[in-house]
Amino acid sequence: MYSKDQTKKLQTETTTLIKKKDIGARDLELLRDALRFHEYRYYILNDPLISDFEYDQLYKALEKIEVENPKSITADSPTQRVAKGLTKDFPTVQHLVPMLSLSNSYNTDDLVDFDRKARELTGENRIEYCVEPKFDGASISLIYENDLLIRGATRGDGPTSCPPSPGCTCCGAWCPSSFPSSSRSTIRGHVVTGPGLPLTGMSARRASRKVLPLSTIRSCSGLSATA
């Protein structure tokens, strides 16, 4: 999708944006182009060129510009959708209910604002929170009908995804082929990679077969879900 020259140009522009302290409306199209490029590198090629933190900072900069300039928002802006362009290696299925991505934060102001909104919505003056480490895995949705697993799918782009049902059925230890349910039930969770399949080990085996090594542990668990 991107030529070598385009990749080099976009990566150079991305580095410039990351270093800037005053990203503004003048950078709008450049920001969108950079984010689309890095979504493609992450979701399609499984070969990211920047860290999650750097991507999130650019994404938040775009969100801020669009909030301040609402007329600039377009339907194809990275902020208006979960990442599109699923790999064509698998057929797609429609989720019964879209699987959306969670927000994240790197500063206390966001947490204070979250608490304010939570108290306003609940009418409570004080809310007690429980914080746990986040599993960096692959989201998955399992559909059971008449107690039997009929489909498993990863999050994909939100509304649609590729169905890894054969892999789910084989991995019965973590994904039962039957489950007491009503006529139709949906169970959602995360696929995570245990210590028996370390990232370095899987990447080494892939490299020996001349296959692109995995760059993140999330890619490792995502591969487990679609194998």
Foldseek 3Di string as FASTA:
>chain_A
DADPVRVVVLVVLLVVVLPDPDDEPVCQVSLQVSLLVQLCCCQPVLHGPDDPVSSLVSVVSNVVRCVVVVVPDDCPGCVNWQRDDHYPPFDKDFDPFFDDDDDDDDDVVVVVVVQVVVCVVVVDPDDDDDDDDDALAWKKKWKDAPFFTDWMFTNHGGGMGGTQVVLLPVPCVVRPRGDDDYRMDMDMDGQADDPVDDQVVQQVVCVVVVHHRRDDRHVVRVVSSND
